[in-house]
Amino acid sequence: MESRLDKETSDKVSFITYIVPEFAAAYKMNVQSAFFYLKKYGGWDYLNECWWALHTDSADYATRDLYEVCLENGGLR
């Protein structure tokens, strides 16, 4: 039995796999470190909840928003 992602889930996965490396590059981290940083400081939850709004901004604004969320949750960098 073949399983396919619905369009919204596919779009969400595409955006997340795009923005995490963008976040990593913007803040001079490798992708794995960026993922763990986002997970630790609430950016991952924010990204999963608000990806639809974030994807309408430029990558610069989206990564800045993620960074601000992490800072509010104790993130350093």
PDB file of N, CA and C in Angstrom:
ATOM      1  N   MET A   1       0.838  -1.180   0.000  1.00  0.00           N
ATOM      2  CA  MET A   1       0.000   0.000   0.000  1.00  0.00           C
ATOM      3  C   MET A   1       0.888   1.249   0.000  1.00  0.00           C
ATOM      4  N   GLU A   2       0.648   2.130  -0.911  1.00  0.00           N
ATOM      5  CA  GLU A   2       1.457   3.331  -1.059  1.00  0.00           C
ATOM      6  C   GLU A   2       0.874   4.466  -0.236  1.00  0.00           C
ATOM      7  N   SER A   3       1.732   5.183   0.446  1.00  0.00           N
ATOM      8  CA  SER A   3       1.295   6.309   1.263  1.00  0.00           C
ATOM      9  C   SER A   3       1.902   7.588   0.689  1.00  0.00           C
ATOM     10  N   ARG A   4       1.087   8.597   0.570  1.00  0.00           N
ATOM     11  CA  ARG A   4       1.558   9.885   0.065  1.00  0.00           C
ATOM     12  C   ARG A   4       1.207  10.973   1.062  1.00  0.00           C
ATOM     13  N   LEU A   5       2.091  11.954   1.149  1.00  0.00           N
ATOM     14  CA  LEU A   5       1.813  13.098   2.008  1.00  0.00           C
ATOM     15  C   LEU A   5       0.799  14.008   1.327  1.00  0.00           C
ATOM     16  N   ASP A   6      -0.091  14.598   2.123  1.00  0.00           N
ATOM     17  CA  ASP A   6      -0.994  15.582   1.545  1.00  0.00           C
ATOM     18  C   ASP A   6      -0.189  16.835   1.204  1.00  0.00           C
ATOM     19  N   LYS A   7      -0.769  17.711   0.423  1.00  0.00           N
ATOM     20  CA  LYS A   7      -0.048  18.902  -0.068  1.00  0.00           C
ATOM     21  C   LYS A   7       0.472  19.772   1.071  1.00  0.00           C
ATOM     22  N   GLU A   8      -0.354  20.012   2.098  1.00  0.00           N
ATOM     23  CA  GLU A   8       0.078  20.871   3.200  1.00  0.00           C
ATOM     24  C   GLU A   8       1.272  20.260   3.937  1.00  0.00           C
ATOM     25  N   THR A   9       1.228  18.983   4.201  1.00  0.00           N
ATOM     26  CA  THR A   9       2.338  18.317   4.884  1.00  0.00           C
ATOM     27  C   THR A   9       3.590  18.352   4.021  1.00  0.00           C
ATOM     28  N   SER A  10       3.431  18.122   2.741  1.00  0.00           N
ATOM     29  CA  SER A  10       4.561  18.177   1.816  1.00  0.00           C
ATOM     30  C   SER A  10       5.176  19.575   1.783  1.00  0.00           C
ATOM     31  N   ASP A  11       4.329  20.606   1.737  1.00  0.00           N
ATOM     32  CA  ASP A  11       4.819  21.989   1.739  1.00  0.00           C
ATOM     33  C   ASP A  11       5.546  22.311   3.047  1.00  0.00           C
ATOM     34  N   LYS A  12       4.999  21.838   4.153  1.00  0.00           N
ATOM     35  CA  LYS A  12       5.617  22.075   5.464  1.00  0.00           C
ATOM     36  C   LYS A  12       6.993  21.430   5.527  1.00  0.00           C
ATOM     37  N   VAL A  13       7.092  20.184   5.104  1.00  0.00           N
ATOM     38  CA  VAL A  13       8.374  19.470   5.110  1.00  0.00           C
ATOM     39  C   VAL A  13       9.371  20.184   4.204  1.00  0.00           C
ATOM     40  N   SER A  14       8.920  20.612   3.048  1.00  0.00           N
ATOM     41  CA  SER A  14       9.806  21.334   2.115  1.00  0.00           C
ATOM     42  C   SER A  14      10.338  22.619   2.737  1.00  0.00           C
ATOM     43  N   PHE A  15       9.460  23.376   3.388  1.00  0.00           N
ATOM     44  CA  PHE A  15       9.896  24.634   3.997  1.00  0.00           C
ATOM     45  C   PHE A  15      10.867  24.377   5.145  1.00  0.00           C
ATOM     46  N   ILE A  16      10.551  23.424   5.998  1.00  0.00           N
ATOM     47  CA  ILE A  16      11.420  23.143   7.142  1.00  0.00           C
ATOM     48  C   ILE A  16      12.791  22.670   6.681  1.00  0.00           C
ATOM     49  N   THR A  17      12.819  21.807   5.660  1.00  0.00           N
ATOM     50  CA  THR A  17      14.123  21.330   5.174  1.00  0.00           C
ATOM     51  C   THR A  17      14.900  22.430   4.458  1.00  0.00           C
ATOM     52  N   TYR A  18      14.212  23.493   4.073  1.00  0.00           N
ATOM     53  CA  TYR A  18      14.881  24.656   3.490  1.00  0.00           C
ATOM     54  C   TYR A  18      15.366  25.622   4.574  1.00  0.00           C
ATOM     55  N   ILE A  19      14.515  25.905   5.565  1.00  0.00           N
ATOM     56  CA  ILE A  19      14.806  26.996   6.501  1.00  0.00           C
ATOM     57  C   ILE A  19      15.817  26.606   7.573  1.00  0.00           C
ATOM     58  N   VAL A  20      15.873  25.353   7.984  1.00  0.00           N
ATOM     59  CA  VAL A  20      16.845  24.967   9.019  1.00  0.00           C
ATOM     60  C   VAL A  20      18.281  25.174   8.512  1.00  0.00           C
ATOM     61  N   PRO A  21      18.632  24.736   7.303  1.00  0.00           N
ATOM     62  CA  PRO A  21      19.982  25.058   6.807  1.00  0.00           C
ATOM     63  C   PRO A  21      20.219  26.560   6.621  1.00  0.00           C
ATOM     64  N   GLU A  22      19.173  27.298   6.261  1.00  0.00           N
ATOM     65  CA  GLU A  22      19.294  28.757   6.156  1.00  0.00           C
ATOM     66  C   GLU A  22      19.593  29.370   7.524  1.00  0.00           C
ATOM     67  N   PHE A  23      18.898  28.889   8.550  1.00  0.00           N
ATOM     68  CA  PHE A  23      19.143  29.337   9.918  1.00  0.00           C
ATOM     69  C   PHE A  23      20.577  29.004  10.320  1.00  0.00           C
ATOM     70  N   ALA A  24      21.009  27.798  10.011  1.00  0.00           N
ATOM     71  CA  ALA A  24      22.374  27.368  10.336  1.00  0.00           C
ATOM     72  C   ALA A  24      23.405  28.285   9.681  1.00  0.00           C
ATOM     73  N   ALA A  25      23.223  28.569   8.416  1.00  0.00           N
ATOM     74  CA  ALA A  25      24.168  29.434   7.704  1.00  0.00           C
ATOM     75  C   ALA A  25      24.155  30.854   8.265  1.00  0.00           C
ATOM     76  N   ALA A  26      22.966  31.362   8.569  1.00  0.00           N
ATOM     77  CA  ALA A  26      22.845  32.731   9.069  1.00  0.00           C
ATOM     78  C   ALA A  26      23.550  32.914  10.407  1.00  0.00           C
ATOM     79  N   TYR A  27      23.534  31.880  11.233  1.00  0.00           N
ATOM     80  CA  TYR A  27      24.124  31.990  12.567  1.00  0.00           C
ATOM     81  C   TYR A  27      25.370  31.133  12.734  1.00  0.00           C
ATOM     82  N   LYS A  28      25.977  30.805  11.601  1.00  0.00           N
ATOM     83  CA  LYS A  28      27.281  30.130  11.558  1.00  0.00           C
ATOM     84  C   LYS A  28      27.321  28.860  12.396  1.00  0.00           C
ATOM     85  N   MET A  29      26.342  27.988  12.149  1.00  0.00           N
ATOM     86  CA  MET A  29      26.268  26.685  12.797  1.00  0.00           C
ATOM     87  C   MET A  29      26.221  25.630  11.700  1.00  0.00           C
ATOM     88  N   ASN A  30      26.521  24.391  12.078  1.00  0.00           N
ATOM     89  CA  ASN A  30      26.216  23.329  11.132  1.00  0.00           C
ATOM     90  C   ASN A  30      24.734  22.990  11.300  1.00  0.00           C
ATOM     91  N   VAL A  31      24.182  22.260  10.360  1.00  0.00           N
ATOM     92  CA  VAL A  31      22.739  22.002  10.364  1.00  0.00           C
ATOM     93  C   VAL A  31      22.316  21.216  11.599  1.00  0.00           C
ATOM     94  N   GLN A  32      23.116  20.254  12.016  1.00  0.00           N
ATOM     95  CA  GLN A  32      22.768  19.471  13.199  1.00  0.00           C
ATOM     96  C   GLN A  32      22.727  20.357  14.446  1.00  0.00           C
ATOM     97  N   SER A  33      23.702  21.215  14.613  1.00  0.00           N
ATOM     98  CA  SER A  33      23.714  22.131  15.762  1.00  0.00           C
ATOM     99  C   SER A  33      22.519  23.077  15.724  1.00  0.00           C
ATOM    100  N   ALA A  34      22.181  23.558  14.537  1.00  0.00           N
ATOM    101  CA  ALA A  34      21.031  24.444  14.394  1.00  0.00           C
ATOM    102  C   ALA A  34      19.748  23.723  14.801  1.00  0.00           C
ATOM    103  N   PHE A  35      19.594  22.483  14.362  1.00  0.00           N
ATOM    104  CA  PHE A  35      18.408  21.703  14.728  1.00  0.00           C
ATOM    105  C   PHE A  35      18.304  21.562  16.242  1.00  0.00           C
ATOM    106  N   PHE A  36      19.407  21.175  16.894  1.00  0.00           N
ATOM    107  CA  PHE A  36      19.369  20.997  18.342  1.00  0.00           C
ATOM    108  C   PHE A  36      19.160  22.316  19.080  1.00  0.00           C
ATOM    109  N   TYR A  37      19.722  23.399  18.565  1.00  0.00           N
ATOM    110  CA  TYR A  37      19.509  24.724  19.144  1.00  0.00           C
ATOM    111  C   TYR A  37      18.027  25.097  19.059  1.00  0.00           C
ATOM    112  N   LEU A  38      17.438  24.905  17.889  1.00  0.00           N
ATOM    113  CA  LEU A  38      16.015  25.200  17.714  1.00  0.00           C
ATOM    114  C   LEU A  38      15.158  24.338  18.629  1.00  0.00           C
ATOM    115  N   LYS A  39      15.492  23.065  18.748  1.00  0.00           N
ATOM    116  CA  LYS A  39      14.742  22.165  19.639  1.00  0.00           C
ATOM    117  C   LYS A  39      14.852  22.618  21.094  1.00  0.00           C
ATOM    118  N   LYS A  40      16.038  22.962  21.530  1.00  0.00           N
ATOM    119  CA  LYS A  40      16.286  23.302  22.929  1.00  0.00           C
ATOM    120  C   LYS A  40      15.600  24.598  23.342  1.00  0.00           C
ATOM    121  N   TYR A  41      15.546  25.574  22.442  1.00  0.00           N
ATOM    122  CA  TYR A  41      15.072  26.901  22.811  1.00  0.00           C
ATOM    123  C   TYR A  41      13.729  27.295  22.190  1.00  0.00           C
ATOM    124  N   GLY A  42      12.937  26.325  21.798  1.00  0.00           N
ATOM    125  CA  GLY A  42      11.575  26.593  21.371  1.00  0.00           C
ATOM    126  C   GLY A  42      11.383  26.992  19.916  1.00  0.00           C
ATOM    127  N   GLY A  43      12.465  27.141  19.199  1.00  0.00           N
ATOM    128  CA  GLY A  43      12.347  27.509  17.790  1.00  0.00           C
ATOM    129  C   GLY A  43      11.699  26.427  16.950  1.00  0.00           C
ATOM    130  N   TRP A  44      11.959  25.175  17.291  1.00  0.00           N
ATOM    131  CA  TRP A  44      11.391  24.058  16.532  1.00  0.00           C
ATOM    132  C   TRP A  44       9.870  24.023  16.684  1.00  0.00           C
ATOM    133  N   ASP A  45       9.381  24.202  17.902  1.00  0.00           N
ATOM    134  CA  ASP A  45       7.933  24.227  18.121  1.00  0.00           C
ATOM    135  C   ASP A  45       7.305  25.405  17.374  1.00  0.00           C
ATOM    136  N   TYR A  46       7.946  26.556  17.456  1.00  0.00           N
ATOM    137  CA  TYR A  46       7.464  27.742  16.746  1.00  0.00           C
ATOM    138  C   TYR A  46       7.441  27.490  15.242  1.00  0.00           C
ATOM    139  N   LEU A  47       8.486  26.898  14.734  1.00  0.00           N
ATOM    140  CA  LEU A  47       8.580  26.599  13.310  1.00  0.00           C
ATOM    141  C   LEU A  47       7.455  25.659  12.884  1.00  0.00           C
ATOM    142  N   ASN A  48       7.199  24.622  13.654  1.00  0.00           N
ATOM    143  CA  ASN A  48       6.139  23.677  13.317  1.00  0.00           C
ATOM    144  C   ASN A  48       4.748  24.291  13.419  1.00  0.00           C
ATOM    145  N   GLU A  49       4.553  25.199  14.362  1.00  0.00           N
ATOM    146  CA  GLU A  49       3.243  25.832  14.537  1.00  0.00           C
ATOM    147  C   GLU A  49       3.007  26.979  13.554  1.00  0.00           C
ATOM    148  N   CYS A  50       4.064  27.699  13.218  1.00  0.00           N
ATOM    149  CA  CYS A  50       3.908  28.937  12.441  1.00  0.00           C
ATOM    150  C   CYS A  50       4.576  28.886  11.068  1.00  0.00           C
ATOM    151  N   TRP A  51       4.874  27.696  10.585  1.00  0.00           N
ATOM    152  CA  TRP A  51       5.594  27.589   9.315  1.00  0.00           C
ATOM    153  C   TRP A  51       4.857  28.290   8.181  1.00  0.00           C
ATOM    154  N   TRP A  52       3.529  28.231   8.208  1.00  0.00           N
ATOM    155  CA  TRP A  52       2.757  28.817   7.108  1.00  0.00           C
ATOM    156  C   TRP A  52       3.009  30.325   7.008  1.00  0.00           C
ATOM    157  N   ALA A  53       3.015  31.009   8.143  1.00  0.00           N
ATOM    158  CA  ALA A  53       3.287  32.449   8.134  1.00  0.00           C
ATOM    159  C   ALA A  53       4.756  32.720   7.820  1.00  0.00           C
ATOM    160  N   LEU A  54       5.651  31.928   8.388  1.00  0.00           N
ATOM    161  CA  LEU A  54       7.085  32.132   8.161  1.00  0.00           C
ATOM    162  C   LEU A  54       7.453  31.957   6.694  1.00  0.00           C
ATOM    163  N   HIS A  55       6.815  31.039   6.022  1.00  0.00           N
ATOM    164  CA  HIS A  55       7.208  30.775   4.636  1.00  0.00           C
ATOM    165  C   HIS A  55       6.818  31.910   3.690  1.00  0.00           C
ATOM    166  N   THR A  56       5.965  32.830   4.160  1.00  0.00           N
ATOM    167  CA  THR A  56       5.588  33.954   3.307  1.00  0.00           C
ATOM    168  C   THR A  56       6.604  35.092   3.376  1.00  0.00           C
ATOM    169  N   ASP A  57       7.492  35.046   4.374  1.00  0.00           N
ATOM    170  CA  ASP A  57       8.556  36.048   4.502  1.00  0.00           C
ATOM    171  C   ASP A  57       9.801  35.589   3.770  1.00  0.00           C
ATOM    172  N   SER A  58      10.749  36.479   3.661  1.00  0.00           N
ATOM    173  CA  SER A  58      12.043  36.090   3.104  1.00  0.00           C
ATOM    174  C   SER A  58      12.752  35.194   4.117  1.00  0.00           C
ATOM    175  N   ALA A  59      13.751  34.484   3.662  1.00  0.00           N
ATOM    176  CA  ALA A  59      14.525  33.620   4.558  1.00  0.00           C
ATOM    177  C   ALA A  59      15.170  34.446   5.667  1.00  0.00           C
ATOM    178  N   ASP A  60      15.591  35.666   5.362  1.00  0.00           N
ATOM    179  CA  ASP A  60      16.204  36.529   6.379  1.00  0.00           C
ATOM    180  C   ASP A  60      15.237  36.822   7.519  1.00  0.00           C
ATOM    181  N   TYR A  61      14.016  37.193   7.175  1.00  0.00           N
ATOM    182  CA  TYR A  61      13.020  37.481   8.212  1.00  0.00           C
ATOM    183  C   TYR A  61      12.634  36.231   8.982  1.00  0.00           C
ATOM    184  N   ALA A  62      12.478  35.124   8.285  1.00  0.00           N
ATOM    185  CA  ALA A  62      12.092  33.871   8.956  1.00  0.00           C
ATOM    186  C   ALA A  62      13.178  33.420   9.923  1.00  0.00           C
ATOM    187  N   THR A  63      14.444  33.489   9.516  1.00  0.00           N
ATOM    188  CA  THR A  63      15.521  33.073  10.422  1.00  0.00           C
ATOM    189  C   THR A  63      15.646  34.039  11.592  1.00  0.00           C
ATOM    190  N   ARG A  64      15.423  35.315  11.351  1.00  0.00           N
ATOM    191  CA  ARG A  64      15.456  36.301  12.436  1.00  0.00           C
ATOM    192  C   ARG A  64      14.328  36.033  13.442  1.00  0.00           C
ATOM    193  N   ASP A  65      13.140  35.714  12.938  1.00  0.00           N
ATOM    194  CA  ASP A  65      12.028  35.378  13.828  1.00  0.00           C
ATOM    195  C   ASP A  65      12.356  34.155  14.677  1.00  0.00           C
ATOM    196  N   LEU A  66      12.922  33.136  14.063  1.00  0.00           N
ATOM    197  CA  LEU A  66      13.304  31.935  14.814  1.00  0.00           C
ATOM    198  C   LEU A  66      14.343  32.278  15.880  1.00  0.00           C
ATOM    199  N   TYR A  67      15.304  33.104  15.523  1.00  0.00           N
ATOM    200  CA  TYR A  67      16.343  33.513  16.463  1.00  0.00           C
ATOM    201  C   TYR A  67      15.738  34.266  17.651  1.00  0.00           C
ATOM    202  N   GLU A  68      14.805  35.167  17.374  1.00  0.00           N
ATOM    203  CA  GLU A  68      14.155  35.933  18.438  1.00  0.00           C
ATOM    204  C   GLU A  68      13.383  35.019  19.387  1.00  0.00           C
ATOM    205  N   VAL A  69      12.683  34.035  18.850  1.00  0.00           N
ATOM    206  CA  VAL A  69      11.952  33.076  19.687  1.00  0.00           C
ATOM    207  C   VAL A  69      12.933  32.332  20.587  1.00  0.00           C
ATOM    208  N   CYS A  70      14.039  31.896  20.027  1.00  0.00           N
ATOM    209  CA  CYS A  70      15.042  31.182  20.821  1.00  0.00           C
ATOM    210  C   CYS A  70      15.627  32.077  21.912  1.00  0.00           C
ATOM    211  N   LEU A  71      15.912  33.333  21.583  1.00  0.00           N
ATOM    212  CA  LEU A  71      16.439  34.256  22.595  1.00  0.00           C
ATOM    213  C   LEU A  71      15.452  34.438  23.740  1.00  0.00           C
ATOM    214  N   GLU A  72      14.169  34.552  23.409  1.00  0.00           N
ATOM    215  CA  GLU A  72      13.137  34.707  24.448  1.00  0.00           C
ATOM    216  C   GLU A  72      13.042  33.495  25.357  1.00  0.00           C
ATOM    217  N   ASN A  73      13.503  32.352  24.855  1.00  0.00           N
ATOM    218  CA  ASN A  73      13.447  31.101  25.620  1.00  0.00           C
ATOM    219  C   ASN A  73      14.800  30.707  26.192  1.00  0.00           C
ATOM    220  N   GLY A  74      15.708  31.664  26.327  1.00  0.00           N
ATOM    221  CA  GLY A  74      16.984  31.411  26.968  1.00  0.00           C
ATOM    222  C   GLY A  74      18.147  31.098  26.060  1.00  0.00           C
ATOM    223  N   GLY A  75      17.922  31.154  24.755  1.00  0.00           N
ATOM    224  CA  GLY A  75      18.993  30.866  23.804  1.00  0.00           C
ATOM    225  C   GLY A  75      20.091  31.913  23.846  1.00  0.00           C
ATOM    226  N   LEU A  76      21.274  31.485  23.621  1.00  0.00           N
ATOM    227  CA  LEU A  76      22.436  32.364  23.582  1.00  0.00           C
ATOM    228  C   LEU A  76      23.109  32.215  22.243  1.00  0.00           C
ATOM    229  N   ARG A  77      23.730  33.258  21.799  1.00  0.00           N
ATOM    230  CA  ARG A  77      24.561  33.222  20.599  1.00  0.00           C
ATOM    231  C   ARG A  77      24.729  34.591  20.074  1.00  0.00           C
TER     232      ARG A  77
END
